[in-house]
C-alpha cells in the first residue's frame, strides 16, 4: 500500500505490488498523518475486493499491535475510509464487511459510486469532525501548528 497525502485532509490509498516490503514505510506514513492532529479521510479508487487479501500472520499481528498502540489517535483523527465502487452488488456485499471493519479499526468504511461521490462523502465526514478534547498541557504545541 502507498499513501498519497498531497491533498490532505484527503488521503489516497493505492495498492502497491511490493506491499510487504513497504510495511515500515506505510506505518511511518500513518504515524506522520496522526501526528498532524487533524481530521482526515482515507480514499481509494480500487474498489471493494470481496475475496479480501490474505495477509501473512506476522503482518496481521503487526497491524493489530500498531492499531492498539494508536487507538485513541485513530478514532480521533481518521474520520473514515471511502472506497470508490461502481458495482451495486459489490457495495451491497461490502456493507457487512464495513460493520466489522468499523468495529476493528475504529472508523467507518463507506462506499461511493464514483470518485465525485466518494469526495462528497469525504467532505461530509470532515465537516462533521469535532476536535478531540486534549488533557491540559497536552495541546500547547498543537495550537501553534
N, C-alpha and C. Protein backbone atom coordinates (compact mmCIF):
# COMPACT_ATOMS: atom_id res chain seq x y z
N UNK A 1 0.84 -1.18 0.00
CA UNK A 1 0.00 0.00 0.00
C UNK A 1 0.89 1.24 0.00
N UNK A 2 0.36 2.25 -0.59
CA UNK A 2 1.05 3.54 -0.63
C UNK A 2 0.03 4.63 -0.32
N UNK A 3 0.40 5.58 0.51
CA UNK A 3 -0.48 6.70 0.84
C UNK A 3 0.01 7.95 0.13
N UNK A 4 -0.95 8.69 -0.41
CA UNK A 4 -0.65 9.98 -1.04
C UNK A 4 -1.41 11.03 -0.25
N UNK A 5 -0.69 11.83 0.55
CA UNK A 5 -1.39 12.85 1.32
C UNK A 5 -1.08 14.24 0.82
N UNK A 6 -0.81 14.36 -0.48
CA UNK A 6 -0.57 15.66 -1.09
C UNK A 6 -1.84 16.51 -1.14
N UNK A 7 -3.01 15.88 -1.00
CA UNK A 7 -4.28 16.61 -0.98
C UNK A 7 -4.93 16.55 0.41
N UNK A 8 -4.07 16.42 1.45
CA UNK A 8 -4.55 16.35 2.83
C UNK A 8 -5.58 17.46 3.08
N UNK A 9 -6.68 17.17 3.70
CA UNK A 9 -7.06 16.03 4.53
C UNK A 9 -7.65 14.84 3.76
N UNK A 10 -7.57 14.86 2.45
CA UNK A 10 -7.98 13.71 1.66
C UNK A 10 -6.73 12.90 1.38
N UNK A 11 -6.69 11.68 1.89
CA UNK A 11 -5.51 10.82 1.78
C UNK A 11 -5.87 9.64 0.88
N UNK A 12 -5.19 9.55 -0.23
CA UNK A 12 -5.48 8.49 -1.21
C UNK A 12 -4.59 7.28 -0.94
N UNK A 13 -5.21 6.11 -0.87
CA UNK A 13 -4.50 4.86 -0.65
C UNK A 13 -4.51 4.08 -1.95
N UNK A 14 -3.33 3.61 -2.32
CA UNK A 14 -3.20 2.82 -3.55
C UNK A 14 -2.44 1.54 -3.24
N UNK A 15 -2.86 0.47 -3.89
CA UNK A 15 -2.15 -0.80 -3.72
C UNK A 15 -0.80 -0.71 -4.40
N UNK A 16 0.12 -1.44 -3.84
CA UNK A 16 1.49 -1.45 -4.35
C UNK A 16 1.90 -2.91 -4.51
N UNK A 17 2.52 -3.25 -5.60
CA UNK A 17 2.89 -4.65 -5.84
C UNK A 17 3.86 -5.18 -4.79
N UNK A 18 4.61 -4.32 -4.16
CA UNK A 18 5.59 -4.74 -3.15
C UNK A 18 5.11 -4.37 -1.76
N UNK A 19 3.82 -4.59 -1.48
CA UNK A 19 3.24 -4.11 -0.22
C UNK A 19 3.94 -4.67 1.02
N UNK A 20 4.35 -5.94 1.00
CA UNK A 20 5.00 -6.49 2.19
C UNK A 20 6.35 -5.82 2.43
N UNK A 21 7.01 -5.38 1.37
CA UNK A 21 8.27 -4.69 1.53
C UNK A 21 8.07 -3.25 2.01
N UNK A 22 6.89 -2.73 1.87
CA UNK A 22 6.60 -1.35 2.20
C UNK A 22 5.96 -1.17 3.58
N UNK A 23 5.87 -2.24 4.38
CA UNK A 23 5.16 -2.16 5.66
C UNK A 23 5.73 -1.07 6.56
N UNK A 24 7.06 -0.99 6.69
CA UNK A 24 7.66 0.04 7.54
C UNK A 24 7.29 1.43 7.05
N UNK A 25 7.37 1.63 5.76
CA UNK A 25 7.05 2.94 5.18
C UNK A 25 5.57 3.28 5.39
N UNK A 26 4.69 2.31 5.24
CA UNK A 26 3.26 2.55 5.42
C UNK A 26 2.94 2.96 6.86
N UNK A 27 3.49 2.24 7.84
CA UNK A 27 3.27 2.61 9.24
C UNK A 27 3.85 3.98 9.53
N UNK A 28 5.00 4.29 8.95
CA UNK A 28 5.60 5.61 9.15
C UNK A 28 4.71 6.70 8.57
N UNK A 29 4.10 6.44 7.42
CA UNK A 29 3.19 7.42 6.82
C UNK A 29 1.96 7.63 7.70
N UNK A 30 1.40 6.54 8.22
CA UNK A 30 0.24 6.68 9.12
C UNK A 30 0.64 7.42 10.40
N UNK A 31 1.81 7.13 10.94
CA UNK A 31 2.28 7.85 12.13
C UNK A 31 2.38 9.35 11.85
N UNK A 32 2.91 9.70 10.68
CA UNK A 32 3.04 11.11 10.31
C UNK A 32 1.67 11.77 10.17
N UNK A 33 0.73 11.06 9.60
CA UNK A 33 -0.63 11.61 9.46
C UNK A 33 -1.27 11.84 10.82
N UNK A 34 -1.16 10.87 11.71
CA UNK A 34 -1.76 11.01 13.04
C UNK A 34 -1.07 12.11 13.85
N UNK A 35 0.22 12.30 13.63
CA UNK A 35 0.96 13.34 14.36
C UNK A 35 0.49 14.75 14.00
N UNK A 36 -0.18 14.91 12.87
CA UNK A 36 -0.72 16.23 12.49
C UNK A 36 -1.84 16.68 13.41
N UNK A 37 -2.49 15.73 14.07
CA UNK A 37 -3.61 16.02 14.97
C UNK A 37 -4.73 16.78 14.27
N UNK A 38 -4.99 16.37 13.04
CA UNK A 38 -6.07 16.96 12.25
C UNK A 38 -6.88 15.84 11.62
N UNK A 39 -8.14 16.11 11.40
CA UNK A 39 -9.02 15.12 10.79
C UNK A 39 -8.61 14.85 9.35
N UNK A 40 -8.76 13.60 8.94
CA UNK A 40 -8.55 13.25 7.55
C UNK A 40 -9.40 12.04 7.18
N UNK A 41 -9.55 11.85 5.88
CA UNK A 41 -10.32 10.73 5.34
C UNK A 41 -9.42 9.98 4.36
N UNK A 42 -9.47 8.66 4.43
CA UNK A 42 -8.73 7.81 3.50
C UNK A 42 -9.66 7.45 2.36
N UNK A 43 -9.18 7.59 1.13
CA UNK A 43 -9.97 7.24 -0.05
C UNK A 43 -9.19 6.25 -0.91
N UNK A 44 -9.93 5.43 -1.65
CA UNK A 44 -9.29 4.51 -2.58
C UNK A 44 -10.21 4.31 -3.78
N UNK A 45 -9.62 4.34 -4.95
CA UNK A 45 -10.37 4.10 -6.18
C UNK A 45 -10.27 2.65 -6.64
N UNK A 46 -9.72 1.81 -5.81
CA UNK A 46 -9.51 0.42 -6.21
C UNK A 46 -10.67 -0.50 -5.88
N UNK A 47 -11.75 0.04 -5.34
CA UNK A 47 -12.97 -0.72 -5.13
C UNK A 47 -12.88 -1.73 -4.00
N UNK A 48 -13.97 -2.45 -3.84
CA UNK A 48 -14.10 -3.44 -2.77
C UNK A 48 -13.75 -4.80 -3.33
N UNK A 49 -12.79 -5.45 -2.70
CA UNK A 49 -12.36 -6.78 -3.11
C UNK A 49 -13.07 -7.79 -2.22
N UNK A 50 -14.10 -8.44 -2.76
CA UNK A 50 -14.90 -9.38 -1.97
C UNK A 50 -14.08 -10.54 -1.43
N UNK A 51 -13.03 -10.92 -2.14
CA UNK A 51 -12.20 -12.03 -1.69
C UNK A 51 -11.25 -11.60 -0.58
N UNK A 52 -11.02 -10.32 -0.49
CA UNK A 52 -10.08 -9.82 0.52
C UNK A 52 -8.66 -10.18 0.15
N UNK A 53 -7.75 -9.70 0.94
CA UNK A 53 -6.34 -10.01 0.75
C UNK A 53 -5.88 -10.77 1.96
N UNK A 54 -5.39 -11.95 1.75
CA UNK A 54 -4.88 -12.73 2.87
C UNK A 54 -3.47 -12.26 3.18
N UNK A 55 -3.34 -11.56 4.27
CA UNK A 55 -2.04 -11.05 4.68
C UNK A 55 -1.35 -12.09 5.55
N UNK A 56 -0.02 -12.16 5.48
CA UNK A 56 0.70 -13.10 6.34
C UNK A 56 0.40 -12.81 7.81
N UNK A 57 0.45 -13.86 8.63
CA UNK A 57 0.12 -13.72 10.05
C UNK A 57 0.98 -12.66 10.73
N UNK A 58 2.25 -12.60 10.41
CA UNK A 58 3.15 -11.62 11.03
C UNK A 58 2.70 -10.19 10.70
N UNK A 59 2.26 -9.98 9.46
CA UNK A 59 1.79 -8.66 9.04
C UNK A 59 0.49 -8.30 9.76
N UNK A 60 -0.40 -9.27 9.93
CA UNK A 60 -1.66 -9.03 10.66
C UNK A 60 -1.38 -8.70 12.12
N UNK A 61 -0.44 -9.42 12.72
CA UNK A 61 -0.07 -9.15 14.12
C UNK A 61 0.48 -7.74 14.27
N UNK A 62 1.35 -7.38 13.35
CA UNK A 62 1.97 -6.06 13.42
C UNK A 62 0.93 -4.95 13.26
N UNK A 63 0.01 -5.13 12.31
CA UNK A 63 -1.04 -4.14 12.11
C UNK A 63 -1.94 -4.03 13.34
N UNK A 64 -2.26 -5.17 13.93
CA UNK A 64 -3.10 -5.17 15.13
C UNK A 64 -2.41 -4.47 16.29
N UNK A 65 -1.13 -4.74 16.47
CA UNK A 65 -0.38 -4.08 17.54
C UNK A 65 -0.30 -2.58 17.31
N UNK A 66 -0.02 -2.17 16.07
CA UNK A 66 0.05 -0.75 15.75
C UNK A 66 -1.30 -0.08 16.03
N UNK A 67 -2.38 -0.75 15.62
CA UNK A 67 -3.72 -0.20 15.83
C UNK A 67 -3.99 -0.02 17.32
N UNK A 68 -3.65 -1.02 18.12
CA UNK A 68 -3.89 -0.93 19.57
C UNK A 68 -3.08 0.21 20.19
N UNK A 69 -1.84 0.39 19.74
CA UNK A 69 -0.98 1.44 20.28
C UNK A 69 -1.47 2.84 19.88
N UNK A 70 -2.19 2.93 18.79
CA UNK A 70 -2.62 4.23 18.27
C UNK A 70 -4.14 4.40 18.27
N UNK A 71 -4.83 3.58 19.04
CA UNK A 71 -6.29 3.54 19.01
C UNK A 71 -6.94 4.91 19.24
N UNK A 72 -6.49 5.63 20.23
CA UNK A 72 -7.11 6.93 20.54
C UNK A 72 -6.92 7.91 19.38
N UNK A 73 -5.73 7.97 18.83
CA UNK A 73 -5.47 8.90 17.72
C UNK A 73 -6.22 8.47 16.46
N UNK A 74 -6.30 7.18 16.21
CA UNK A 74 -7.04 6.68 15.04
C UNK A 74 -8.49 7.13 15.14
N UNK A 75 -9.09 6.90 16.30
CA UNK A 75 -10.51 7.27 16.48
C UNK A 75 -10.72 8.78 16.44
N UNK A 76 -9.73 9.53 16.89
CA UNK A 76 -9.87 10.99 16.93
C UNK A 76 -9.70 11.63 15.55
N UNK A 77 -8.78 11.13 14.75
CA UNK A 77 -8.41 11.86 13.53
C UNK A 77 -8.83 11.21 12.21
N UNK A 78 -8.93 9.89 12.16
CA UNK A 78 -9.37 9.26 10.91
C UNK A 78 -10.89 9.25 10.91
N UNK A 79 -11.48 10.02 10.03
CA UNK A 79 -12.93 10.18 10.01
C UNK A 79 -13.63 9.09 9.22
N UNK A 80 -12.89 8.36 8.44
CA UNK A 80 -13.48 7.26 7.70
C UNK A 80 -12.61 6.90 6.51
N UNK A 81 -13.02 5.82 5.88
CA UNK A 81 -12.41 5.39 4.64
C UNK A 81 -13.53 5.29 3.62
N UNK A 82 -13.27 5.79 2.42
CA UNK A 82 -14.28 5.76 1.36
C UNK A 82 -13.68 5.03 0.16
N UNK A 83 -14.33 3.95 -0.23
CA UNK A 83 -13.91 3.20 -1.41
C UNK A 83 -14.81 3.58 -2.58
N UNK A 84 -14.21 3.82 -3.73
CA UNK A 84 -14.99 4.04 -4.95
C UNK A 84 -15.34 2.65 -5.48
N UNK A 85 -16.62 2.36 -5.51
CA UNK A 85 -17.08 1.05 -6.00
C UNK A 85 -18.31 1.25 -6.87
N UNK A 86 -18.15 1.21 -8.20
CA UNK A 86 -19.28 1.42 -9.10
C UNK A 86 -20.30 0.29 -9.08
N UNK A 87 -19.90 -0.91 -8.70
CA UNK A 87 -20.79 -2.07 -8.73
C UNK A 87 -21.74 -2.08 -7.53
N UNK A 88 -23.04 -2.02 -7.80
CA UNK A 88 -24.04 -2.05 -6.72
C UNK A 88 -23.96 -3.37 -5.96
N UNK A 89 -23.70 -4.47 -6.65
CA UNK A 89 -23.59 -5.77 -5.99
C UNK A 89 -22.41 -5.80 -5.02
N UNK A 90 -21.28 -5.24 -5.43
CA UNK A 90 -20.11 -5.21 -4.55
C UNK A 90 -20.32 -4.26 -3.37
N UNK A 91 -21.01 -3.15 -3.61
CA UNK A 91 -21.30 -2.23 -2.49
C UNK A 91 -22.19 -2.93 -1.47
N UNK A 92 -23.17 -3.67 -1.94
CA UNK A 92 -24.06 -4.41 -1.05
C UNK A 92 -23.27 -5.46 -0.26
N UNK A 93 -22.41 -6.20 -0.95
CA UNK A 93 -21.58 -7.20 -0.28
C UNK A 93 -20.65 -6.55 0.73
N UNK A 94 -20.21 -5.36 0.44
CA UNK A 94 -19.28 -4.66 1.33
C UNK A 94 -19.90 -4.14 2.60
N UNK A 95 -21.23 -4.01 2.65
CA UNK A 95 -21.87 -3.46 3.85
C UNK A 95 -21.63 -4.30 5.10
N UNK A 96 -21.71 -5.62 4.97
CA UNK A 96 -21.45 -6.49 6.13
C UNK A 96 -19.99 -6.37 6.57
N UNK A 97 -19.09 -6.32 5.60
CA UNK A 97 -17.67 -6.16 5.91
C UNK A 97 -17.42 -4.82 6.59
N UNK A 98 -18.14 -3.78 6.15
CA UNK A 98 -17.94 -2.43 6.69
C UNK A 98 -18.23 -2.38 8.19
N UNK A 99 -19.20 -3.16 8.65
CA UNK A 99 -19.52 -3.20 10.08
C UNK A 99 -18.33 -3.75 10.86
N UNK A 100 -17.78 -4.87 10.40
CA UNK A 100 -16.63 -5.48 11.07
C UNK A 100 -15.41 -4.57 10.99
N UNK A 101 -15.21 -3.95 9.84
CA UNK A 101 -14.10 -3.03 9.64
C UNK A 101 -14.16 -1.90 10.66
N UNK A 102 -15.34 -1.28 10.80
CA UNK A 102 -15.51 -0.17 11.73
C UNK A 102 -15.27 -0.56 13.17
N UNK A 103 -15.72 -1.75 13.55
CA UNK A 103 -15.50 -2.20 14.92
C UNK A 103 -14.02 -2.45 15.19
N UNK A 104 -13.32 -2.99 14.22
CA UNK A 104 -11.91 -3.28 14.43
C UNK A 104 -11.05 -2.02 14.39
N UNK A 105 -11.18 -1.23 13.33
CA UNK A 105 -10.30 -0.08 13.14
C UNK A 105 -10.74 1.17 13.90
N UNK A 106 -12.03 1.28 14.22
CA UNK A 106 -12.48 2.43 14.99
C UNK A 106 -12.92 3.61 14.14
N UNK A 107 -13.03 3.41 12.85
CA UNK A 107 -13.58 4.43 11.96
C UNK A 107 -14.38 3.74 10.87
N UNK A 108 -15.39 4.43 10.33
CA UNK A 108 -16.31 3.78 9.39
C UNK A 108 -15.74 3.59 7.99
N UNK A 109 -16.28 2.60 7.31
CA UNK A 109 -15.97 2.34 5.91
C UNK A 109 -17.22 2.68 5.10
N UNK A 110 -17.04 3.54 4.10
CA UNK A 110 -18.14 3.96 3.24
C UNK A 110 -17.82 3.58 1.79
N UNK A 111 -18.87 3.55 0.98
CA UNK A 111 -18.70 3.25 -0.44
C UNK A 111 -19.31 4.36 -1.27
N UNK A 112 -18.55 4.85 -2.23
CA UNK A 112 -19.05 5.83 -3.19
C UNK A 112 -19.20 5.17 -4.54
N UNK A 113 -20.16 5.65 -5.31
CA UNK A 113 -20.41 5.06 -6.63
C UNK A 113 -19.41 5.56 -7.67
N UNK A 114 -18.77 6.68 -7.40
CA UNK A 114 -17.82 7.29 -8.33
C UNK A 114 -16.81 8.10 -7.51
N UNK A 115 -15.80 8.60 -8.18
CA UNK A 115 -14.81 9.44 -7.49
C UNK A 115 -15.48 10.68 -6.91
N UNK A 116 -16.36 11.32 -7.68
CA UNK A 116 -17.05 12.52 -7.19
C UNK A 116 -17.92 12.20 -5.97
N UNK A 117 -18.61 11.06 -6.02
CA UNK A 117 -19.45 10.64 -4.89
C UNK A 117 -18.57 10.41 -3.65
N UNK A 118 -17.43 9.74 -3.84
CA UNK A 118 -16.52 9.48 -2.73
C UNK A 118 -15.99 10.79 -2.13
N UNK A 119 -15.67 11.75 -2.99
CA UNK A 119 -15.20 13.05 -2.50
C UNK A 119 -16.30 13.77 -1.72
N UNK A 120 -17.54 13.68 -2.17
CA UNK A 120 -18.67 14.28 -1.43
C UNK A 120 -18.82 13.65 -0.05
N UNK A 121 -18.72 12.32 0.02
CA UNK A 121 -18.82 11.62 1.30
C UNK A 121 -17.68 12.07 2.22
N UNK A 122 -16.47 12.14 1.67
CA UNK A 122 -15.31 12.56 2.46
C UNK A 122 -15.50 13.97 3.01
N UNK A 123 -15.96 14.88 2.18
CA UNK A 123 -16.18 16.27 2.63
C UNK A 123 -17.21 16.32 3.75
N UNK A 124 -18.27 15.52 3.63
CA UNK A 124 -19.30 15.46 4.67
C UNK A 124 -18.70 14.95 5.98
N UNK A 125 -17.86 13.92 5.91
CA UNK A 125 -17.22 13.38 7.11
C UNK A 125 -16.32 14.43 7.77
N UNK A 126 -15.59 15.17 6.96
CA UNK A 126 -14.69 16.18 7.51
C UNK A 126 -15.44 17.34 8.15
N UNK A 127 -16.57 17.73 7.56
CA UNK A 127 -17.36 18.83 8.12
C UNK A 127 -17.94 18.46 9.48
N UNK A 128 -18.18 17.17 9.71
CA UNK A 128 -18.79 16.72 10.96
C UNK A 128 -17.77 16.55 12.08
N UNK A 129 -16.47 16.72 11.78
CA UNK A 129 -15.42 16.46 12.77
C UNK A 129 -15.42 17.48 13.88
N UNK A 130 -15.29 16.98 15.09
CA UNK A 130 -15.10 17.83 16.27
C UNK A 130 -13.73 17.51 16.83
N UNK A 131 -12.86 18.52 17.00
CA UNK A 131 -11.53 18.25 17.55
C UNK A 131 -11.63 17.58 18.92
N UNK A 132 -10.74 16.61 19.19
CA UNK A 132 -10.78 15.93 20.49
C UNK A 132 -10.39 16.89 21.60
N UNK A 133 -10.92 16.62 22.78
CA UNK A 133 -10.56 17.41 23.95
C UNK A 133 -9.25 16.85 24.50
N UNK A 134 -8.20 17.65 24.44
CA UNK A 134 -6.90 17.21 24.93
C UNK A 134 -6.76 17.53 26.40
N UNK A 135 -6.04 16.67 27.13
CA UNK A 135 -5.79 16.97 28.54
C UNK A 135 -5.00 18.26 28.67
N UNK A 136 -5.14 18.99 29.80
CA UNK A 136 -4.39 20.23 30.00
C UNK A 136 -2.90 20.00 29.81
N UNK A 137 -2.27 20.93 29.09
CA UNK A 137 -0.84 20.84 28.86
C UNK A 137 -0.45 19.98 27.67
N UNK A 138 -1.40 19.22 27.11
CA UNK A 138 -1.09 18.32 26.02
C UNK A 138 -1.26 18.99 24.65
N UNK A 139 -1.93 20.12 24.59
CA UNK A 139 -2.22 20.72 23.31
C UNK A 139 -1.44 21.97 22.99
N UNK A 140 -0.44 22.31 23.80
CA UNK A 140 0.26 23.58 23.60
C UNK A 140 0.98 23.64 22.25
N UNK A 141 1.67 22.57 21.85
CA UNK A 141 2.37 22.61 20.57
C UNK A 141 1.41 22.47 19.42
N UNK A 142 0.32 21.73 19.60
CA UNK A 142 -0.64 21.55 18.52
C UNK A 142 -1.34 22.86 18.17
N UNK A 143 -1.51 23.73 19.16
CA UNK A 143 -2.19 25.01 18.91
C UNK A 143 -1.36 25.94 18.03
N UNK A 144 -0.04 25.73 18.01
CA UNK A 144 0.84 26.60 17.24
C UNK A 144 1.19 26.05 15.87
N UNK A 145 0.66 24.90 15.51
CA UNK A 145 0.99 24.30 14.22
C UNK A 145 0.10 24.81 13.13
